[in-house]
């Protein structure tokens, strides 16, 4: 039987089924659908549109306000990595029958407030309740930014000699969701105070501020490519940039960093489930991977840190089209594309233990 992939389709499915069948060809599409690139660019003459499309992802267990914040920042982050602020939102909400008007009011009000905060106008949409719909995917949305020609970057613009920058460290989304969903696991390991503080990692799951801050050093003249580390984490994002740009990346192990609270959360759930975890392979919405010009690198780091965003240069762009980790002893090893994102293994194993009656008393 054919093995079906949960989540985004594989590169093979994308290239064999989707890519050859894209409707009418239109020369105004400067950047069209491409694996590893989260937005398209459409030429309208003196302006271009940055357009991204994603599901509306809502998890009631986060709480309605957190859910709304997360849904908007997932969408806005994919526009912001172009270096262009998101401006318009078009949203289709297919609500489950079990969602009450009061719940919807809280969700929608927070969506409005977050859009207002980010400077995003809700331009059009559709809302209804339908059978056969369930969380977390309750519709779809299109987010658009508007800019001038050549005033944006894509993951395909990294060049040999650029330096590789990472913000926040790995496994931000992994830790943020696990800490929010299963605080009892952390409380048993580290105590109630840590478990409560760890829930704040949730609010780091955005690269809107990271990307728009980096854009200030100059698009293409300072920052040349940006990508958020979603599925397959930092390693996946590095490969996406390398593949899109046709370059290689050399990453230095000694330059990598991870937040203490994130590391503790990941370690706690790894021990709880018995599943070994490479945090750099774990989903990490909120971690930005970017390439920057060497003469702007220090400015970029200082600018990000002035906004409270931790960042470091972790490597360099090369010509050889390999993604390589230089270990502390000088040995170079290839970084493979992860076969499995460990977050899902942790998440479902934790659910099984907690709700399957297997948790130690």
Protein backbone atom coordinates (compact mmCIF):
# COMPACT_ATOMS: atom_id res chain seq x y z
CA UNK A 1 0.00 0.00 0.00
CA UNK A 2 1.23 3.50 -0.82
CA UNK A 3 2.57 5.34 2.24
CA UNK A 4 0.89 8.72 2.56
CA UNK A 5 2.80 11.63 4.09
CA UNK A 6 1.05 13.62 6.82
CA UNK A 7 1.59 17.36 6.41
CA UNK A 8 3.07 19.06 3.39
CA UNK A 9 3.45 16.84 0.35
CA UNK A 10 6.87 15.54 -0.54
CA UNK A 11 9.16 17.19 -3.04
CA UNK A 12 8.44 14.30 -5.42
CA UNK A 13 4.66 14.86 -5.30
CA UNK A 14 5.14 18.60 -5.68
CA UNK A 15 7.42 18.28 -8.71
CA UNK A 16 5.55 15.46 -10.46
CA UNK A 17 1.93 16.44 -9.85
CA UNK A 18 1.65 20.09 -8.85
CA UNK A 19 4.45 21.89 -10.67
CA UNK A 20 3.57 20.72 -14.24
CA UNK A 21 -0.09 21.73 -13.77
CA UNK A 22 -0.33 25.40 -12.85
CA UNK A 23 -3.04 26.68 -15.14
CA UNK A 24 -2.37 29.42 -17.66
CA UNK A 25 1.21 30.62 -17.85
CA UNK A 26 1.48 34.30 -16.96
CA UNK A 27 4.69 36.35 -17.33
CA UNK A 28 3.63 38.67 -14.50
CA UNK A 29 4.42 35.88 -12.02
CA UNK A 30 8.05 36.62 -11.16
CA UNK A 31 8.28 33.97 -8.44
CA UNK A 32 5.75 31.16 -8.74
CA UNK A 33 5.16 27.97 -6.76
CA UNK A 34 8.48 26.49 -5.68
CA UNK A 35 9.39 23.88 -3.10
CA UNK A 36 10.87 25.56 -0.01
CA UNK A 37 9.68 29.06 -0.96
CA UNK A 38 6.65 30.22 1.03
CA UNK A 39 5.37 33.05 -1.16
CA UNK A 40 4.94 34.16 -4.75
CA UNK A 41 5.83 37.49 -6.35
CA UNK A 42 3.51 39.08 -8.92
CA UNK A 43 4.54 42.03 -11.11
CA UNK A 44 1.87 44.74 -11.43
CA UNK A 45 4.01 47.33 -13.18
CA UNK A 46 5.39 49.85 -10.72
CA UNK A 47 4.48 47.60 -7.77
CA UNK A 48 4.82 43.92 -6.95
CA UNK A 49 2.69 41.76 -4.68
CA UNK A 50 4.13 39.31 -2.18
CA UNK A 51 1.45 36.60 -1.85
CA UNK A 52 1.30 33.62 0.49
CA UNK A 53 -1.43 31.05 1.13
CA UNK A 54 -1.81 28.80 4.18
CA UNK A 55 -4.44 27.00 6.22
CA UNK A 56 -6.07 28.82 9.12
CA UNK A 57 -4.59 26.76 11.93
CA UNK A 58 -6.56 26.92 15.18
CA UNK A 59 -6.01 24.71 18.24
CA UNK A 60 -8.64 25.32 20.97
CA UNK A 61 -6.40 23.67 23.57
CA UNK A 62 -4.01 26.62 23.26
CA UNK A 63 -6.85 28.91 24.37
CA UNK A 64 -8.76 31.04 21.87
CA UNK A 65 -6.54 34.12 22.23
CA UNK A 66 -3.32 32.15 21.78
CA UNK A 67 -4.90 30.28 18.88
CA UNK A 68 -5.81 33.51 17.08
CA UNK A 69 -2.35 35.01 17.66
CA UNK A 70 -0.66 31.87 16.35
CA UNK A 71 -2.91 31.63 13.27
CA UNK A 72 -2.13 35.21 12.23
CA UNK A 73 1.60 35.00 12.89
CA UNK A 74 1.94 31.80 10.83
CA UNK A 75 0.44 33.70 7.90
CA UNK A 76 2.27 36.97 8.48
CA UNK A 77 5.65 35.28 8.94
CA UNK A 78 5.58 33.82 5.43
CA UNK A 79 5.16 37.30 3.94
CA UNK A 80 7.64 38.97 6.31
CA UNK A 81 10.51 36.67 5.24
CA UNK A 82 10.42 38.54 1.93
CA UNK A 83 11.42 41.64 3.91
CA UNK A 84 8.04 43.23 3.11
CA UNK A 85 5.44 43.97 5.81
CA UNK A 86 2.17 42.04 5.38
CA UNK A 87 -0.64 44.43 4.44
CA UNK A 88 -3.83 42.61 3.38
CA UNK A 89 -5.53 39.46 4.67
CA UNK A 90 -8.16 37.47 2.76
CA UNK A 91 -9.57 34.76 5.01
CA UNK A 92 -11.97 31.84 4.61
CA UNK A 93 -13.23 30.38 7.89
CA UNK A 94 -14.98 27.01 7.74
CA UNK A 95 -16.07 26.68 11.35
CA UNK A 96 -16.84 23.33 13.00
CA UNK A 97 -20.45 22.83 14.03
CA UNK A 98 -19.36 22.51 17.66
CA UNK A 99 -17.85 26.01 17.77
CA UNK A 100 -20.13 28.42 19.64
CA UNK A 101 -20.75 32.05 18.73
CA UNK A 102 -19.01 33.13 21.94
CA UNK A 103 -15.91 31.10 21.07
CA UNK A 104 -15.91 32.52 17.57
CA UNK A 105 -16.26 36.05 18.97
CA UNK A 106 -13.12 35.62 21.10
CA UNK A 107 -11.19 34.11 18.20
CA UNK A 108 -12.24 36.75 15.68
CA UNK A 109 -11.72 39.68 18.03
CA UNK A 110 -8.16 38.57 18.72
CA UNK A 111 -7.54 38.05 15.00
CA UNK A 112 -8.69 41.64 14.46
CA UNK A 113 -6.48 43.01 17.26
CA UNK A 114 -3.39 41.14 16.07
CA UNK A 115 -3.92 42.29 12.48
CA UNK A 116 -4.38 45.85 13.70
CA UNK A 117 -1.15 45.60 15.70
CA UNK A 118 0.79 44.32 12.67
CA UNK A 119 -0.71 46.87 10.25
CA UNK A 120 -2.76 44.29 8.34
CA UNK A 121 -6.18 45.11 6.88
CA UNK A 122 -8.72 42.29 6.55
CA UNK A 123 -9.84 42.97 2.99
CA UNK A 124 -12.27 40.13 2.25
CA UNK A 125 -13.32 36.70 3.38
CA UNK A 126 -15.97 34.05 3.91
CA UNK A 127 -17.27 32.61 7.18
CA UNK A 128 -19.65 29.72 7.78
CA UNK A 129 -20.26 26.56 9.82
CA UNK A 130 -20.08 23.25 8.02
CA UNK A 131 -20.27 19.55 8.78
CA UNK A 132 -17.16 17.46 8.28
CA UNK A 133 -14.89 20.24 9.54
CA UNK A 134 -12.68 19.91 12.60
CA UNK A 135 -9.73 21.59 14.25
CA UNK A 136 -6.98 22.53 13.65
CA UNK A 137 -7.51 23.31 9.92
CA UNK A 138 -10.64 25.46 9.80
CA UNK A 139 -10.19 27.25 6.51
CA UNK A 140 -7.56 28.98 4.44
CA UNK A 141 -6.16 32.46 4.02
CA UNK A 142 -4.10 34.61 1.70
CA UNK A 143 -1.76 37.27 3.09
CA UNK A 144 -0.37 39.97 0.78
CA UNK A 145 2.41 42.51 1.01
CA UNK A 146 2.95 45.35 -1.46
CA UNK A 147 6.37 46.67 -2.48
CA UNK A 148 8.40 48.07 -5.35
CA UNK A 149 10.42 46.07 -7.84
CA UNK A 150 13.62 44.55 -6.45
CA UNK A 151 12.65 45.55 -2.90
CA UNK A 152 12.25 42.01 -1.57
CA UNK A 153 14.28 38.85 -1.05
CA UNK A 154 13.52 35.16 -1.54
CA UNK A 155 15.22 31.98 -0.30
CA UNK A 156 16.69 31.72 -3.82
CA UNK A 157 18.93 34.79 -3.45
CA UNK A 158 21.72 33.54 -1.15
CA UNK A 159 25.18 33.97 -2.70
CA UNK A 160 28.57 32.39 -1.99
CA UNK A 161 30.43 34.53 0.51
CA UNK A 162 27.29 35.51 2.42
CA UNK A 163 27.14 34.61 6.10
CA UNK A 164 24.39 32.48 7.66
CA UNK A 165 22.45 33.99 10.57
CA UNK A 166 20.07 32.25 12.98
CA UNK A 167 17.66 33.88 15.44
CA UNK A 168 16.34 32.46 18.75
CA UNK A 169 17.90 28.99 18.32
CA UNK A 170 16.18 25.70 17.37
CA UNK A 171 13.00 23.92 18.48
CA UNK A 172 11.07 27.08 19.43
CA UNK A 173 7.74 25.77 18.16
CA UNK A 174 8.39 22.29 19.52
CA UNK A 175 9.02 23.64 23.02
CA UNK A 176 6.32 26.30 22.82
CA UNK A 177 3.55 23.88 21.91
CA UNK A 178 4.62 21.06 24.23
CA UNK A 179 4.97 23.44 27.19
CA UNK A 180 1.53 24.91 26.51
CA UNK A 181 -0.25 21.62 25.90
CA UNK A 182 1.36 19.44 28.57
CA UNK A 183 2.56 21.60 31.48
CA UNK A 184 2.17 18.71 33.94
CA UNK A 185 5.10 16.90 32.32
CA UNK A 186 7.34 19.89 32.98
CA UNK A 187 5.98 20.43 36.47
CA UNK A 188 6.88 16.86 37.45
CA UNK A 189 10.40 17.33 36.09
CA UNK A 190 11.30 20.92 36.96
CA UNK A 191 8.56 22.23 39.25
CA UNK A 192 5.50 24.45 38.83
CA UNK A 193 7.40 27.75 38.47
CA UNK A 194 9.40 26.53 35.48
CA UNK A 195 6.31 24.93 33.91
CA UNK A 196 4.44 28.25 34.05
CA UNK A 197 7.37 30.26 32.66
CA UNK A 198 7.92 27.76 29.86
CA UNK A 199 4.45 28.53 28.51
CA UNK A 200 5.82 31.95 27.49
CA UNK A 201 7.96 30.28 24.81
CA UNK A 202 4.70 30.07 22.85
CA UNK A 203 4.85 33.80 22.06
CA UNK A 204 8.24 33.40 20.34
CA UNK A 205 6.62 31.47 17.45
CA UNK A 206 6.84 34.29 14.93
CA UNK A 207 9.53 35.63 12.63
CA UNK A 208 7.62 38.78 11.68
CA UNK A 209 9.75 40.98 13.92
CA UNK A 210 12.99 39.12 13.13
CA UNK A 211 12.54 39.45 9.37
CA UNK A 212 11.31 43.05 9.28
CA UNK A 213 14.12 44.09 11.62
CA UNK A 214 16.72 42.43 9.38
CA UNK A 215 15.20 44.16 6.35
CA UNK A 216 16.42 47.45 7.82
CA UNK A 217 20.04 46.60 6.92
CA UNK A 218 19.01 46.60 3.25
CA UNK A 219 17.21 44.05 1.09
CA UNK A 220 19.72 42.30 -1.19
CA UNK A 221 22.44 44.79 -0.19
CA UNK A 222 22.41 43.58 3.42
CA UNK A 223 20.16 40.57 3.86
CA UNK A 224 19.97 38.33 0.78
CA UNK A 225 17.65 35.47 1.80
CA UNK A 226 15.32 34.63 4.70
CA UNK A 227 13.37 31.52 5.64
CA UNK A 228 11.58 30.36 8.79
CA UNK A 229 12.48 27.00 10.26
CA UNK A 230 9.12 25.23 10.22
CA UNK A 231 8.93 21.50 9.36
CA UNK A 232 12.26 19.73 9.96
CA UNK A 233 13.52 22.73 11.86
CA UNK A 234 16.85 24.44 11.34
CA UNK A 235 18.30 21.62 9.24
CA UNK A 236 15.25 21.71 6.95
CA UNK A 237 15.44 25.50 6.55
CA UNK A 238 19.14 25.34 5.68
CA UNK A 239 18.44 22.79 2.96
CA UNK A 240 15.53 24.86 1.62
CA UNK A 241 17.80 27.89 1.18
CA UNK A 242 20.66 25.84 -0.27
CA UNK A 243 18.36 24.09 -2.76
CA UNK A 244 16.50 27.24 -3.78
CA UNK A 245 19.71 29.25 -4.28
CA UNK A 246 21.80 26.45 -5.78
CA UNK A 247 24.52 26.96 -3.17
CA UNK A 248 26.12 25.14 -0.29
CA UNK A 249 26.20 26.03 3.39
CA UNK A 250 28.97 25.43 5.91
CA UNK A 251 27.65 25.53 9.49
CA UNK A 252 29.93 25.63 12.51
CA UNK A 253 28.91 23.48 15.47
CA UNK A 254 30.63 25.81 17.93
CA UNK A 255 28.50 28.73 16.69
CA UNK A 256 25.15 26.99 17.20
CA UNK A 257 23.11 27.93 20.28
CA UNK A 258 19.89 26.88 21.97
CA UNK A 259 17.83 28.67 24.63
CA UNK A 260 18.16 27.10 28.08
CA UNK A 261 14.40 26.88 28.59
CA UNK A 262 13.86 25.31 25.16
CA UNK A 263 16.58 22.74 25.80
CA UNK A 264 15.07 21.83 29.16
CA UNK A 265 11.59 21.39 27.64
CA UNK A 266 12.91 19.22 24.81
CA UNK A 267 14.98 17.12 27.21
CA UNK A 268 12.03 16.65 29.57
CA UNK A 269 9.75 15.36 26.82
CA UNK A 270 12.51 13.22 25.34
CA UNK A 271 12.96 11.53 28.72
CA UNK A 272 9.20 11.29 29.32
CA UNK A 273 8.57 9.55 25.99
CA UNK A 274 11.87 7.73 25.55
CA UNK A 275 12.28 9.35 22.12
CA UNK A 276 15.73 10.79 21.29
CA UNK A 277 15.51 14.30 19.84
CA UNK A 278 17.80 16.38 17.66
CA UNK A 279 16.45 19.89 18.42
CA UNK A 280 17.85 21.19 15.12
CA UNK A 281 15.55 18.79 13.23
CA UNK A 282 12.45 19.80 15.20
CA UNK A 283 9.76 22.16 13.92
CA UNK A 284 10.63 25.70 14.93
CA UNK A 285 8.26 28.41 13.72
CA UNK A 286 9.90 31.49 15.25
CA UNK A 287 13.46 30.66 14.22
CA UNK A 288 14.67 32.71 11.27
CA UNK A 289 17.49 31.50 9.03
CA UNK A 290 18.95 34.29 6.91
CA UNK A 291 21.96 35.02 4.75
CA UNK A 292 23.62 38.40 5.08
CA UNK A 293 26.53 40.27 3.52
CA UNK A 294 29.69 40.03 5.66
CA UNK A 295 30.02 43.80 6.02
CA UNK A 296 26.47 44.02 7.42
CA UNK A 297 26.62 41.01 9.73
CA UNK A 298 27.60 42.81 12.92
CA UNK A 299 25.02 45.51 12.31
CA UNK A 300 22.39 42.82 11.79
CA UNK A 301 23.24 41.09 15.09
CA UNK A 302 23.26 44.35 17.04
CA UNK A 303 19.97 45.48 15.50
CA UNK A 304 18.23 42.21 16.32
CA UNK A 305 19.55 42.17 19.89
CA UNK A 306 18.39 45.77 20.37
CA UNK A 307 14.87 44.42 19.73
CA UNK A 308 15.35 41.63 22.27
CA UNK A 309 15.89 38.98 19.57
CA UNK A 310 18.89 36.75 20.21
CA UNK A 311 20.91 35.99 17.07
CA UNK A 312 24.29 34.73 15.91
CA UNK A 313 26.26 34.05 12.75
CA UNK A 314 26.42 30.26 12.48
CA UNK A 315 28.08 29.69 9.12
CA UNK A 316 28.71 30.78 5.55
CA UNK A 317 27.41 30.25 2.04
CA UNK A 318 29.65 28.23 -0.32
CA UNK A 319 29.69 27.19 -3.96
CA UNK A 320 29.76 23.41 -3.55
CA UNK A 321 26.00 22.77 -3.02
CA UNK A 322 26.53 20.73 0.16
CA UNK A 323 25.07 21.50 3.58
CA UNK A 324 27.92 20.68 5.92
CA UNK A 325 28.44 20.78 9.68
CA UNK A 326 31.97 21.60 10.81
CA UNK A 327 32.30 19.84 14.15
CA UNK A 328 34.28 21.26 17.05
CA UNK A 329 37.18 18.93 16.24
CA UNK A 330 37.33 20.26 12.67
CA UNK A 331 35.68 17.23 11.06
CA UNK A 332 33.17 18.03 8.31
CA UNK A 333 30.01 15.93 8.01
CA UNK A 334 27.04 16.33 5.68
CA UNK A 335 23.80 17.49 7.30
CA UNK A 336 21.08 15.29 5.79
CA UNK A 337 17.50 16.40 5.23
CA UNK A 338 15.67 15.01 8.29
CA UNK A 339 13.52 11.98 7.50
CA UNK A 340 11.18 12.67 10.42
CA UNK A 341 10.39 15.76 12.45
CA UNK A 342 10.72 14.58 16.08
CA UNK A 343 8.02 16.97 17.30
CA UNK A 344 5.22 14.77 16.01
CA UNK A 345 6.72 11.69 17.64
CA UNK A 346 6.98 13.54 20.97
CA UNK A 347 3.49 14.99 20.68
CA UNK A 348 1.62 11.80 19.89
CA UNK A 349 3.65 9.65 22.29
CA UNK A 350 2.94 12.13 25.09
CA UNK A 351 -0.79 11.98 24.26
CA UNK A 352 -0.64 8.19 24.29
CA UNK A 353 1.05 8.09 27.70
CA UNK A 354 -1.15 10.72 29.33
CA UNK A 355 -4.46 9.53 27.90
CA UNK A 356 -3.64 5.85 27.56
CA UNK A 357 -3.25 5.30 31.29
CA UNK A 358 0.47 4.62 31.04
CA UNK A 359 1.76 7.63 32.95
CA UNK A 360 3.65 6.74 36.11
CA UNK A 361 1.78 7.72 39.25
